Each structure stands twice: as C-alpha cells, then as structure tokens.
C-alpha cells in the first residue's frame, strides 16, 4: 500500500510539473513577437477627378467645405474634403498592369492645422490568386510610410486581422498618387 501511495505521488508530481512547464512555455510564446500568418503586397492607383479628366478618373471629391469646390482640393491641408474612390489594385507599380482587384472606399481630410486623413476602404479581389475582400480603416498621417488596421475580410481572407503598411510610391500633384500596401495578417482562418 505504501509503494502505491509513493507511485501515485510521483505521477501526480510529474503531471503538475509538466502542466506548469507548458503554461510557462505558452506565456513565453505570447510574450514574444507574433509572426504574420500571411503577407501580401499590392499597389493601388488613385486618379482624382480635376474637372478635365473624367475618362481616366478613379476618385472624386463628394464633399467640400464652404470655401472649396468639388474639382479642386481645398486649401493647404485639404481640410473638409471627402473623396470616394474605385481604384485599380495591381501586383506591381505599373498603372497599366492587369488589375487583381479594386480598392473601393473613401478618405477624408480631417485636420485644419496638419496634413492628415482618415481612411475607410476595402480591397475587392476577383482573381485566380484571391477571391473576397480585405477591409481597412484608420487614421492616415500621410507620412512616407504609415500603418492602418486590417479589420476584417471575406472569402479567401475571411475574418482577416492585421496591419497594412502604406508607403507613398508616387505623387503627381493633387491628381495622382500610388500607394504600396504591404499587408501582414495575424489572424488567418
């Protein structure tokens, strides 16, 4: 009977030790940097309607402050302008490359004293590589490189969560800009 009690105690101690070490291992894993489960790079090309380029425009001013108009962005920081867009998404920085989808949404210039915007948009994919959407939202500081949130997705990218690093790749006045979008997803289903 005494030997059985000793064996039971040893087995119980071993189980407690192993469960404690695995909990410690889980804590170490959580504390370290998380690696993305999926990474993608796309470019989207925005051509703002300026009163003369209706055939090629992919975005338009739909709201302007009292001192502005809907063909020219208002003032130094464009405060009060609301722009909707339906831009092509490509795999490289060439506007004339075959699109893999569309970037659709809006941006609004939200500060009078500083050049900044707020973005809400989706990438709609309908290609052989991806089908579905990725949804983005967040403040855009309009620096050369900045991050916004990936807050969801559908189809192949169902419930995607992560970060998108936007890099201004090209700017031509107030009419054209190209963004490189480096997407790092940390939740993939």
C-alpha atoms as a PDB file:
ATOM      1  CA  UNK A   1       0.000   0.000   0.000  1.00  0.00           C
ATOM      2  CA  UNK A   2       2.858   2.398   0.812  1.00  0.00           C
ATOM      3  CA  UNK A   3       4.538   1.749  -2.553  1.00  0.00           C
ATOM      4  CA  UNK A   4       1.295   2.519  -4.376  1.00  0.00           C
ATOM      5  CA  UNK A   5       0.966   5.815  -2.497  1.00  0.00           C
ATOM      6  CA  UNK A   6       4.567   6.770  -3.424  1.00  0.00           C
ATOM      7  CA  UNK A   7       3.955   5.962  -7.128  1.00  0.00           C
ATOM      8  CA  UNK A   8       0.712   7.974  -7.110  1.00  0.00           C
ATOM      9  CA  UNK A   9       2.526  10.909  -5.515  1.00  0.00           C
ATOM     10  CA  UNK A  10       5.347  10.711  -8.075  1.00  0.00           C
ATOM     11  CA  UNK A  11       2.914  10.535 -11.018  1.00  0.00           C
ATOM     12  CA  UNK A  12       0.878  13.447  -9.630  1.00  0.00           C
ATOM     13  CA  UNK A  13       4.051  15.499  -9.072  1.00  0.00           C
ATOM     14  CA  UNK A  14       5.236  14.730 -12.594  1.00  0.00           C
ATOM     15  CA  UNK A  15       1.868  15.805 -14.064  1.00  0.00           C
ATOM     16  CA  UNK A  16       1.885  19.040 -12.074  1.00  0.00           C
ATOM     17  CA  UNK A  17       5.461  19.745 -13.163  1.00  0.00           C
ATOM     18  CA  UNK A  18       4.655  19.126 -16.837  1.00  0.00           C
ATOM     19  CA  UNK A  19       1.483  21.234 -16.769  1.00  0.00           C
ATOM     20  CA  UNK A  20       3.374  24.096 -15.093  1.00  0.00           C
ATOM     21  CA  UNK A  21       6.178  23.987 -17.667  1.00  0.00           C
ATOM     22  CA  UNK A  22       3.741  24.013 -20.608  1.00  0.00           C
ATOM     23  CA  UNK A  23       1.939  27.040 -19.103  1.00  0.00           C
ATOM     24  CA  UNK A  24       5.322  28.759 -18.764  1.00  0.00           C
ATOM     25  CA  UNK A  25       6.075  27.854 -22.398  1.00  0.00           C
ATOM     26  CA  UNK A  26       2.716  29.340 -23.533  1.00  0.00           C
ATOM     27  CA  UNK A  27       3.472  32.551 -21.651  1.00  0.00           C
ATOM     28  CA  UNK A  28       6.889  32.802 -23.306  1.00  0.00           C
ATOM     29  CA  UNK A  29       5.271  32.320 -26.725  1.00  0.00           C
ATOM     30  CA  UNK A  30       2.697  35.053 -26.066  1.00  0.00           C
ATOM     31  CA  UNK A  31       5.306  37.474 -24.779  1.00  0.00           C
ATOM     32  CA  UNK A  32       7.458  37.178 -27.904  1.00  0.00           C
ATOM     33  CA  UNK A  33       6.746  38.848 -31.232  1.00  0.00           C
ATOM     34  CA  UNK A  34       3.929  37.331 -33.256  1.00  0.00           C
ATOM     35  CA  UNK A  35       4.724  36.390 -36.808  1.00  0.00           C
ATOM     36  CA  UNK A  36       2.202  37.073 -39.574  1.00  0.00           C
ATOM     37  CA  UNK A  37       0.285  34.077 -40.934  1.00  0.00           C
ATOM     38  CA  UNK A  38       0.018  35.735 -44.386  1.00  0.00           C
ATOM     39  CA  UNK A  39       1.846  38.605 -46.110  1.00  0.00           C
ATOM     40  CA  UNK A  40       0.865  40.307 -49.365  1.00  0.00           C
ATOM     41  CA  UNK A  41       1.975  43.368 -51.335  1.00  0.00           C
ATOM     42  CA  UNK A  42      -0.283  45.335 -53.672  1.00  0.00           C
ATOM     43  CA  UNK A  43      -0.338  48.764 -55.293  1.00  0.00           C
ATOM     44  CA  UNK A  44      -3.336  50.960 -55.700  1.00  0.00           C
ATOM     45  CA  UNK A  45      -3.516  53.860 -58.090  1.00  0.00           C
ATOM     46  CA  UNK A  46      -5.724  56.899 -57.379  1.00  0.00           C
ATOM     47  CA  UNK A  47      -6.543  59.413 -60.125  1.00  0.00           C
ATOM     48  CA  UNK A  48      -8.574  62.312 -58.704  1.00  0.00           C
ATOM     49  CA  UNK A  49     -11.144  63.985 -60.944  1.00  0.00           C
ATOM     50  CA  UNK A  50      -9.984  67.558 -61.588  1.00  0.00           C
ATOM     51  CA  UNK A  51     -12.677  68.826 -63.959  1.00  0.00           C
ATOM     52  CA  UNK A  52     -10.793  67.729 -67.091  1.00  0.00           C
ATOM     53  CA  UNK A  53     -10.014  64.015 -66.682  1.00  0.00           C
ATOM     54  CA  UNK A  54     -13.446  62.365 -66.331  1.00  0.00           C
ATOM     55  CA  UNK A  55     -12.478  59.483 -68.638  1.00  0.00           C
ATOM     56  CA  UNK A  56      -9.479  58.382 -66.504  1.00  0.00           C
ATOM     57  CA  UNK A  57     -10.519  59.497 -63.006  1.00  0.00           C
ATOM     58  CA  UNK A  58     -10.901  56.783 -60.354  1.00  0.00           C
ATOM     59  CA  UNK A  59     -11.827  59.110 -57.485  1.00  0.00           C
ATOM     60  CA  UNK A  60     -13.911  62.232 -56.958  1.00  0.00           C
ATOM     61  CA  UNK A  61     -14.473  64.875 -54.298  1.00  0.00           C
ATOM     62  CA  UNK A  62     -18.024  64.355 -52.999  1.00  0.00           C
ATOM     63  CA  UNK A  63     -17.882  66.755 -50.065  1.00  0.00           C
ATOM     64  CA  UNK A  64     -16.135  70.086 -49.758  1.00  0.00           C
ATOM     65  CA  UNK A  65     -16.104  72.905 -47.187  1.00  0.00           C
ATOM     66  CA  UNK A  66     -17.937  76.149 -47.950  1.00  0.00           C
ATOM     67  CA  UNK A  67     -14.737  77.762 -49.249  1.00  0.00           C
ATOM     68  CA  UNK A  68     -13.872  74.784 -51.517  1.00  0.00           C
ATOM     69  CA  UNK A  69     -15.355  73.113 -54.559  1.00  0.00           C
ATOM     70  CA  UNK A  70     -15.660  69.588 -55.907  1.00  0.00           C
ATOM     71  CA  UNK A  71     -12.982  69.724 -58.600  1.00  0.00           C
ATOM     72  CA  UNK A  72     -10.007  71.128 -56.673  1.00  0.00           C
ATOM     73  CA  UNK A  73      -8.923  70.063 -53.196  1.00  0.00           C
ATOM     74  CA  UNK A  74      -9.476  72.815 -50.617  1.00  0.00           C
ATOM     75  CA  UNK A  75      -6.580  74.851 -49.265  1.00  0.00           C
ATOM     76  CA  UNK A  76      -3.185  73.825 -47.969  1.00  0.00           C
ATOM     77  CA  UNK A  77      -4.236  70.731 -45.952  1.00  0.00           C
ATOM     78  CA  UNK A  78      -7.453  69.947 -47.881  1.00  0.00           C
ATOM     79  CA  UNK A  79      -9.433  70.189 -44.628  1.00  0.00           C
ATOM     80  CA  UNK A  80     -13.080  69.212 -45.068  1.00  0.00           C
ATOM     81  CA  UNK A  81     -12.746  67.367 -48.377  1.00  0.00           C
ATOM     82  CA  UNK A  82     -14.345  63.929 -48.651  1.00  0.00           C
ATOM     83  CA  UNK A  83     -13.167  61.763 -51.553  1.00  0.00           C
ATOM     84  CA  UNK A  84     -14.634  58.450 -52.736  1.00  0.00           C
ATOM     85  CA  UNK A  85     -12.600  56.115 -54.881  1.00  0.00           C
ATOM     86  CA  UNK A  86     -12.753  52.985 -57.024  1.00  0.00           C
ATOM     87  CA  UNK A  87      -9.060  52.387 -57.787  1.00  0.00           C
ATOM     88  CA  UNK A  88      -7.350  49.500 -59.582  1.00  0.00           C
ATOM     89  CA  UNK A  89      -5.140  47.199 -57.481  1.00  0.00           C
ATOM     90  CA  UNK A  90      -2.057  45.754 -59.182  1.00  0.00           C
ATOM     91  CA  UNK A  91       0.787  43.451 -58.167  1.00  0.00           C
ATOM     92  CA  UNK A  92       3.409  45.950 -59.337  1.00  0.00           C
ATOM     93  CA  UNK A  93       3.674  49.722 -59.524  1.00  0.00           C
ATOM     94  CA  UNK A  94       2.586  49.997 -63.175  1.00  0.00           C
ATOM     95  CA  UNK A  95      -0.856  51.602 -63.554  1.00  0.00           C
ATOM     96  CA  UNK A  96      -1.322  49.701 -66.824  1.00  0.00           C
ATOM     97  CA  UNK A  97      -0.698  46.241 -65.315  1.00  0.00           C
ATOM     98  CA  UNK A  98      -3.607  43.823 -65.205  1.00  0.00           C
ATOM     99  CA  UNK A  99      -5.658  44.635 -62.064  1.00  0.00           C
ATOM    100  CA  UNK A 100      -6.152  41.857 -59.494  1.00  0.00           C
ATOM    101  CA  UNK A 101      -8.992  43.762 -57.851  1.00  0.00           C
ATOM    102  CA  UNK A 102     -10.367  47.159 -56.873  1.00  0.00           C
ATOM    103  CA  UNK A 103      -9.783  49.426 -53.873  1.00  0.00           C
ATOM    104  CA  UNK A 104     -13.137  50.989 -53.008  1.00  0.00           C
ATOM    105  CA  UNK A 105     -13.929  53.400 -50.200  1.00  0.00           C
ATOM    106  CA  UNK A 106     -13.311  56.928 -49.046  1.00  0.00           C
ATOM    107  CA  UNK A 107     -10.820  59.231 -47.415  1.00  0.00           C
ATOM    108  CA  UNK A 108     -11.494  62.495 -45.686  1.00  0.00           C
ATOM    109  CA  UNK A 109      -9.079  65.233 -44.737  1.00  0.00           C
ATOM    110  CA  UNK A 110      -9.781  65.788 -41.061  1.00  0.00           C
ATOM    111  CA  UNK A 111      -7.341  68.385 -39.689  1.00  0.00           C
ATOM    112  CA  UNK A 112      -7.062  72.061 -40.414  1.00  0.00           C
ATOM    113  CA  UNK A 113      -3.591  72.573 -38.978  1.00  0.00           C
ATOM    114  CA  UNK A 114      -1.852  69.417 -40.219  1.00  0.00           C
ATOM    115  CA  UNK A 115      -1.985  67.333 -43.400  1.00  0.00           C
ATOM    116  CA  UNK A 116      -3.761  64.122 -42.366  1.00  0.00           C
ATOM    117  CA  UNK A 117      -6.709  61.974 -43.444  1.00  0.00           C
ATOM    118  CA  UNK A 118      -8.982  59.194 -42.249  1.00  0.00           C
ATOM    119  CA  UNK A 119      -9.419  56.136 -44.467  1.00  0.00           C
ATOM    120  CA  UNK A 120     -12.130  53.513 -44.756  1.00  0.00           C
ATOM    121  CA  UNK A 121     -11.896  51.136 -47.704  1.00  0.00           C
ATOM    122  CA  UNK A 122     -11.938  47.564 -48.969  1.00  0.00           C
ATOM    123  CA  UNK A 123      -9.858  45.632 -51.428  1.00  0.00           C
ATOM    124  CA  UNK A 124     -12.211  43.583 -53.614  1.00  0.00           C
ATOM    125  CA  UNK A 125     -10.396  40.657 -55.215  1.00  0.00           C
ATOM    126  CA  UNK A 126     -11.633  38.608 -58.126  1.00  0.00           C
ATOM    127  CA  UNK A 127      -8.530  36.933 -59.492  1.00  0.00           C
ATOM    128  CA  UNK A 128      -7.116  33.443 -59.701  1.00  0.00           C
ATOM    129  CA  UNK A 129      -4.950  34.144 -56.636  1.00  0.00           C
ATOM    130  CA  UNK A 130      -7.574  35.650 -54.269  1.00  0.00           C
ATOM    131  CA  UNK A 131     -11.362  35.943 -54.060  1.00  0.00           C
ATOM    132  CA  UNK A 132     -13.068  38.057 -51.434  1.00  0.00           C
ATOM    133  CA  UNK A 133     -12.313  41.274 -49.585  1.00  0.00           C
ATOM    134  CA  UNK A 134      -9.975  42.824 -47.044  1.00  0.00           C
ATOM    135  CA  UNK A 135     -11.335  45.757 -45.028  1.00  0.00           C
ATOM    136  CA  UNK A 136      -9.108  48.615 -43.813  1.00  0.00           C
ATOM    137  CA  UNK A 137      -9.775  51.566 -41.504  1.00  0.00           C
ATOM    138  CA  UNK A 138      -7.735  54.142 -39.665  1.00  0.00           C
ATOM    139  CA  UNK A 139      -6.007  57.469 -39.456  1.00  0.00           C
ATOM    140  CA  UNK A 140      -3.509  58.231 -42.193  1.00  0.00           C
ATOM    141  CA  UNK A 141      -0.757  60.603 -41.096  1.00  0.00           C
ATOM    142  CA  UNK A 142       0.267  60.986 -44.739  1.00  0.00           C
ATOM    143  CA  UNK A 143       3.926  60.389 -43.900  1.00  0.00           C
ATOM    144  CA  UNK A 144       6.001  58.457 -46.431  1.00  0.00           C
ATOM    145  CA  UNK A 145       5.262  55.210 -44.509  1.00  0.00           C
ATOM    146  CA  UNK A 146       2.378  54.632 -42.083  1.00  0.00           C
ATOM    147  CA  UNK A 147       0.230  51.795 -40.696  1.00  0.00           C
ATOM    148  CA  UNK A 148      -3.530  51.311 -40.705  1.00  0.00           C
ATOM    149  CA  UNK A 149      -5.629  48.451 -39.355  1.00  0.00           C
ATOM    150  CA  UNK A 150      -6.906  45.441 -41.262  1.00  0.00           C
ATOM    151  CA  UNK A 151     -10.254  44.894 -39.540  1.00  0.00           C
ATOM    152  CA  UNK A 152     -11.855  42.050 -41.470  1.00  0.00           C
ATOM    153  CA  UNK A 153     -12.279  40.142 -44.659  1.00  0.00           C
ATOM    154  CA  UNK A 154     -14.454  37.749 -46.638  1.00  0.00           C
ATOM    155  CA  UNK A 155     -13.941  34.803 -48.978  1.00  0.00           C
ATOM    156  CA  UNK A 156     -10.332  33.562 -49.043  1.00  0.00           C
ATOM    157  CA  UNK A 157      -9.478  36.233 -46.471  1.00  0.00           C
ATOM    158  CA  UNK A 158     -12.376  35.508 -44.082  1.00  0.00           C
ATOM    159  CA  UNK A 159     -12.086  37.371 -40.752  1.00  0.00           C
ATOM    160  CA  UNK A 160      -8.606  38.674 -41.579  1.00  0.00           C
ATOM    161  CA  UNK A 161      -6.958  40.823 -38.908  1.00  0.00           C
ATOM    162  CA  UNK A 162      -3.649  42.621 -39.062  1.00  0.00           C
ATOM    163  CA  UNK A 163      -1.754  45.687 -40.188  1.00  0.00           C
ATOM    164  CA  UNK A 164      -1.274  47.317 -43.568  1.00  0.00           C
ATOM    165  CA  UNK A 165       1.809  49.452 -44.063  1.00  0.00           C
ATOM    166  CA  UNK A 166       1.096  52.149 -46.640  1.00  0.00           C
ATOM    167  CA  UNK A 167       4.042  53.629 -48.494  1.00  0.00           C
ATOM    168  CA  UNK A 168       3.574  56.554 -50.854  1.00  0.00           C
ATOM    169  CA  UNK A 169       5.195  55.239 -54.014  1.00  0.00           C
ATOM    170  CA  UNK A 170       4.439  58.135 -56.392  1.00  0.00           C
ATOM    171  CA  UNK A 171       2.661  61.505 -56.340  1.00  0.00           C
ATOM    172  CA  UNK A 172       1.800  63.780 -59.256  1.00  0.00           C
ATOM    173  CA  UNK A 173       0.370  66.978 -57.783  1.00  0.00           C
ATOM    174  CA  UNK A 174      -3.144  66.614 -56.388  1.00  0.00           C
ATOM    175  CA  UNK A 175      -4.315  64.422 -59.280  1.00  0.00           C
ATOM    176  CA  UNK A 176      -2.448  61.093 -58.995  1.00  0.00           C
ATOM    177  CA  UNK A 177      -0.889  59.045 -56.228  1.00  0.00           C
ATOM    178  CA  UNK A 178       0.186  55.429 -55.939  1.00  0.00           C
ATOM    179  CA  UNK A 179       0.397  53.536 -52.658  1.00  0.00           C
ATOM    180  CA  UNK A 180       2.265  50.345 -51.960  1.00  0.00           C
ATOM    181  CA  UNK A 181       0.201  48.344 -49.464  1.00  0.00           C
ATOM    182  CA  UNK A 182       2.177  45.741 -47.509  1.00  0.00           C
ATOM    183  CA  UNK A 183      -0.375  43.610 -45.658  1.00  0.00           C
ATOM    184  CA  UNK A 184       0.597  41.486 -42.662  1.00  0.00           C
ATOM    185  CA  UNK A 185      -2.250  39.321 -41.349  1.00  0.00           C
ATOM    186  CA  UNK A 186      -2.007  37.961 -37.806  1.00  0.00           C
ATOM    187  CA  UNK A 187      -5.355  36.134 -37.820  1.00  0.00           C
ATOM    188  CA  UNK A 188      -5.979  33.817 -40.748  1.00  0.00           C
ATOM    189  CA  UNK A 189      -8.808  31.310 -40.944  1.00  0.00           C
END
